[in-house]
Structures are given as structure tokens and as C-alpha cells.
Amino acid sequence: MILMKDIIREGHPTLRKRSEEVALPLSAEDKALAESLLEYVKNSQDDELAEKYDLRAGVGIAAPQVNQAKRIFALYFDPSTEENMSLIAINPKIVSHSVEKSYLTTGEGCLSVDRAVPGYVPRYARITVKAYNLQGEEFKMRLKGLPAIAFQHELDHLNGIMFFDHINAENPFAEIENATPIERGSGE
């Protein structure tokens, strides 16, 4: 089980490295890694487990955040939310995206960043993605809103990019042209 002590923090070199594609079919090690990433985000959203194990809540986590430079991440939105998604993405890619942008009005947070970083993070409002699941089958899906933002945040981790790299340094809350603001909590 992944705990906060297993998550590397900002400044660690793995977070700035481009991750390697994962060989398919998945090795037992890679499959276990992917499952443990999903388990972390599920557990982190369960108030009882989060308190018991001192987990910070998040909606996504990428392999580089546990010091594994592999192109794997997990996203989880509780079934009680309108997003309702449980996803493991292996070798994910964005195959197309909207011109329109979106951003979280609260800014973004990250399990690997222990400080609040104020500012808007521009993301594509709608994306079409391709990835592989645990069984090595390719899937394609369209995302918008919070799931699209979370997917892009985690994909950035696989490319050595941190969310704050996208924030306008001179004016963190500058209006983003052609963008829709999304009101929502700022978990990763």
C-alpha cells in the first residue's frame, strides 16, 4: 500500500524526467504498481482510511510520484460524484484536444508539492485520449471538465512537467483567454 512517505516531493529528480513507455503485456511488477496507484487514490478519498494512514486526498497519482519513471497513472472520482471514474492509464496519449481551455478556479494541488501554489493552470477543456488498460487492451475516450484537467495533470508528470510550470509567473490569476473556469476542490 502506498503511503505519503512513499510519494517523492518537489525537487526530486525523477519528477523532472520523461518517463519510459511500459512494455505490454504488463509485467507482474508493472501491474502491481498500476493497481497500487489506483488503490492510493481510492483510499485517499475514504475519510476513515485517509485518517488512519495519514493520506492526503487526491484524484490522481502517477508512477513518477512513487519514484518509478514509467508511463502509468491512475485517476479516481468517487461514484457519488458526477465524474464517477476509476481509471488506470498505461502509455497514455492525448490524440486530439479543443482549442478552448479550462482551469480550476481554486488552482491545482499535487501530492508531490507540500505548499500551496496560487494561480490558474490552463488546460484543454476537452481531450480525446488513448491508453492501455491492465489487460493490455487499448482504449480511447473523450474527457471534459475535471477528468480532463486531472488527466492532463497526470500526463504532465509522465513528461517531467509540474502543474505550476503552466502558471503565469507575472500574474498567476491573469484571465485565461478562451477559457471556462471550473469550480471544484483542488486535490491532485
Protein backbone atom coordinates (compact mmCIF):
# COMPACT_ATOMS: atom_id res chain seq x y z
CA MET A 1 0.00 0.00 0.00
CA ILE A 2 1.35 3.42 -0.98
CA LEU A 3 1.65 5.87 1.93
CA MET A 4 2.61 9.56 1.95
CA LYS A 5 6.20 8.59 2.85
CA ASP A 6 6.41 6.71 -0.48
CA ILE A 7 5.49 9.80 -2.52
CA ILE A 8 8.52 11.81 -3.61
CA ARG A 9 8.35 15.58 -3.32
CA GLU A 10 9.10 18.56 -5.47
CA GLY A 11 12.85 18.86 -6.07
CA HIS A 12 13.34 15.09 -6.56
CA PRO A 13 14.98 14.49 -9.99
CA THR A 14 12.52 11.73 -11.03
CA LEU A 15 9.71 14.32 -11.10
CA ARG A 16 11.57 16.20 -13.86
CA LYS A 17 12.38 13.15 -16.00
CA ARG A 18 10.44 11.96 -19.03
CA SER A 19 9.08 8.52 -18.11
CA GLU A 20 9.67 5.42 -20.20
CA GLU A 21 6.96 3.63 -22.18
CA VAL A 22 5.83 0.44 -20.44
CA ALA A 23 6.19 -2.91 -22.23
CA LEU A 24 2.97 -4.79 -22.98
CA PRO A 25 1.73 -7.23 -21.86
CA LEU A 26 2.41 -5.76 -18.43
CA SER A 27 4.94 -7.44 -16.19
CA ALA A 28 3.65 -8.54 -12.77
CA GLU A 29 5.68 -5.67 -11.26
CA ASP A 30 4.10 -3.02 -13.53
CA LYS A 31 0.62 -4.43 -12.98
CA ALA A 32 1.13 -4.30 -9.19
CA LEU A 33 2.42 -0.71 -9.47
CA ALA A 34 -0.65 0.36 -11.50
CA GLU A 35 -3.03 -1.31 -9.04
CA SER A 36 -1.30 0.28 -6.06
CA LEU A 37 -1.60 3.75 -7.66
CA LEU A 38 -5.35 3.28 -8.07
CA GLU A 39 -5.61 1.89 -4.54
CA TYR A 40 -3.91 5.03 -3.19
CA VAL A 41 -6.36 7.48 -4.79
CA LYS A 42 -9.35 5.36 -3.72
CA ASN A 43 -8.05 5.11 -0.14
CA SER A 44 -7.16 8.80 -0.01
CA GLN A 45 -10.81 9.70 -0.72
CA ASP A 46 -12.11 7.40 2.03
CA ASP A 47 -12.21 9.62 5.14
CA GLU A 48 -11.67 6.71 7.55
CA LEU A 49 -8.69 5.20 5.68
CA ALA A 50 -7.20 8.62 4.91
CA GLU A 51 -7.21 9.48 8.61
CA LYS A 52 -5.95 6.05 9.72
CA TYR A 53 -2.99 6.07 7.30
CA ASP A 54 -2.50 9.86 7.17
CA LEU A 55 -3.14 10.05 3.42
CA ARG A 56 -3.56 13.33 1.55
CA ALA A 57 -6.60 13.24 -0.68
CA GLY A 58 -6.07 13.17 -4.43
CA VAL A 59 -7.94 12.21 -7.57
CA GLY A 60 -4.83 11.09 -9.45
CA ILE A 61 -1.30 9.82 -8.96
CA ALA A 62 1.41 8.97 -11.48
CA ALA A 63 4.18 6.37 -11.26
CA PRO A 64 6.96 9.02 -11.19
CA GLN A 65 5.48 10.28 -7.91
CA VAL A 66 6.49 6.98 -6.29
CA ASN A 67 9.92 7.24 -7.94
CA GLN A 68 9.09 4.94 -10.89
CA ALA A 69 9.81 6.67 -14.21
CA LYS A 70 7.13 4.67 -16.04
CA ARG A 71 4.21 5.90 -18.17
CA ILE A 72 1.45 4.77 -15.81
CA PHE A 73 -1.08 6.75 -13.79
CA ALA A 74 -4.39 6.27 -12.02
CA LEU A 75 -7.43 8.54 -11.71
CA TYR A 76 -10.35 8.01 -9.39
CA PHE A 77 -13.51 10.01 -8.84
CA ASP A 78 -15.85 8.59 -6.23
CA PRO A 79 -19.02 7.04 -7.72
CA SER A 80 -21.07 9.57 -5.74
CA THR A 81 -19.60 12.40 -7.85
CA GLU A 82 -20.84 13.33 -11.30
CA GLU A 83 -17.43 12.38 -12.72
CA ASN A 84 -17.60 8.78 -11.37
CA MET A 85 -14.41 7.35 -12.89
CA SER A 86 -11.90 4.67 -11.98
CA LEU A 87 -9.06 4.55 -14.48
CA ILE A 88 -5.60 3.10 -14.89
CA ALA A 89 -3.81 4.53 -17.92
CA ILE A 90 -0.76 2.78 -19.36
CA ASN A 91 1.26 4.67 -22.01
CA PRO A 92 -1.44 7.38 -22.25
CA LYS A 93 -1.57 9.99 -25.03
CA ILE A 94 -3.80 12.89 -25.96
CA VAL A 95 -4.79 12.30 -29.59
CA SER A 96 -6.84 15.49 -30.01
CA HIS A 97 -7.92 18.48 -27.95
CA SER A 98 -10.16 21.51 -28.06
CA VAL A 99 -8.91 24.99 -28.79
CA GLU A 100 -10.94 26.13 -25.79
CA LYS A 101 -9.19 25.96 -22.42
CA SER A 102 -10.42 25.46 -18.87
CA TYR A 103 -8.92 25.87 -15.43
CA LEU A 104 -9.80 25.25 -11.80
CA THR A 105 -10.76 28.47 -10.03
CA THR A 106 -9.09 27.10 -6.87
CA GLY A 107 -5.88 26.28 -8.74
CA GLU A 108 -4.36 22.80 -8.73
CA GLY A 109 -2.67 20.85 -5.98
CA CYS A 110 -0.28 17.93 -6.11
CA LEU A 111 0.62 15.11 -3.75
CA SER A 112 4.29 15.82 -4.53
CA VAL A 113 4.01 19.52 -3.65
CA ASP A 114 3.71 20.36 0.04
CA ARG A 115 2.95 24.03 -0.47
CA ALA A 116 0.04 25.93 -1.91
CA VAL A 117 0.91 27.35 -5.32
CA PRO A 118 -1.66 30.01 -6.16
CA GLY A 119 -2.63 30.62 -9.76
CA TYR A 120 -4.64 29.37 -12.68
CA VAL A 121 -3.34 26.37 -14.61
CA PRO A 122 -4.60 26.49 -18.22
CA ARG A 123 -5.64 23.10 -19.60
CA TYR A 124 -7.51 21.94 -22.70
CA ALA A 125 -11.26 21.97 -21.99
CA ARG A 126 -11.88 18.74 -23.94
CA ILE A 127 -9.47 15.97 -24.86
CA THR A 128 -9.63 12.65 -26.67
CA VAL A 129 -7.16 10.20 -25.18
CA LYS A 130 -5.76 6.77 -25.91
CA ALA A 131 -4.13 4.45 -23.41
CA TYR A 132 -3.90 0.80 -22.45
CA ASN A 133 -5.65 -0.88 -19.52
CA LEU A 134 -4.23 -3.52 -17.15
CA GLN A 135 -5.08 -6.26 -19.65
CA GLY A 136 -3.02 -4.51 -22.33
CA GLU A 137 -6.10 -3.53 -24.35
CA GLU A 138 -6.08 -0.10 -25.98
CA PHE A 139 -8.98 2.18 -25.16
CA LYS A 140 -10.00 5.62 -26.38
CA MET A 141 -12.18 8.11 -24.53
CA ARG A 142 -13.28 11.73 -24.55
CA LEU A 143 -12.92 13.76 -21.38
CA LYS A 144 -14.03 17.21 -20.31
CA GLY A 145 -14.24 19.17 -17.08
CA LEU A 146 -12.40 17.88 -14.02
CA PRO A 147 -11.47 14.46 -15.50
CA ALA A 148 -9.83 16.22 -18.49
CA ILE A 149 -7.88 18.51 -16.16
CA ALA A 150 -6.80 15.60 -13.94
CA PHE A 151 -5.74 13.53 -16.97
CA GLN A 152 -3.57 16.39 -18.25
CA HIS A 153 -2.06 16.94 -14.78
CA GLU A 154 -1.05 13.27 -14.52
CA LEU A 155 0.16 13.11 -18.13
CA ASP A 156 2.40 16.10 -17.34
CA HIS A 157 4.01 14.04 -14.55
CA LEU A 158 4.99 11.43 -17.15
CA ASN A 159 6.73 14.18 -19.11
CA GLY A 160 8.58 15.73 -16.17
CA ILE A 161 6.25 18.75 -16.02
CA MET A 162 4.82 20.12 -12.77
CA PHE A 163 1.45 21.91 -12.69
CA PHE A 164 3.00 25.19 -11.56
CA ASP A 165 5.10 25.30 -14.74
CA HIS A 166 1.88 26.37 -16.50
CA ILE A 167 1.05 29.26 -14.13
CA ASN A 168 1.67 32.78 -15.41
CA ALA A 169 4.65 33.86 -13.26
CA GLU A 170 3.95 37.60 -13.55
CA ASN A 171 0.22 37.38 -12.93
CA PRO A 172 -0.86 33.98 -11.52
CA PHE A 173 -4.56 34.91 -11.69
CA ALA A 174 -4.48 36.55 -15.12
CA GLU A 175 -7.59 35.84 -17.13
CA ILE A 176 -7.02 32.93 -19.50
CA GLU A 177 -8.25 33.71 -22.98
CA ASN A 178 -10.95 31.44 -24.41
CA ALA A 179 -11.22 29.50 -21.13
CA THR A 180 -14.03 28.19 -18.96
CA PRO A 181 -13.48 28.38 -15.20
CA ILE A 182 -14.33 25.18 -13.27
CA GLU A 183 -15.34 25.43 -9.63
CA ARG A 184 -14.04 22.45 -7.69
CA GLY A 185 -11.73 21.37 -4.87
CA SER A 186 -8.02 21.32 -5.65
CA GLY A 187 -6.97 17.71 -4.99
CA GLU A 188 -4.39 16.32 -7.39
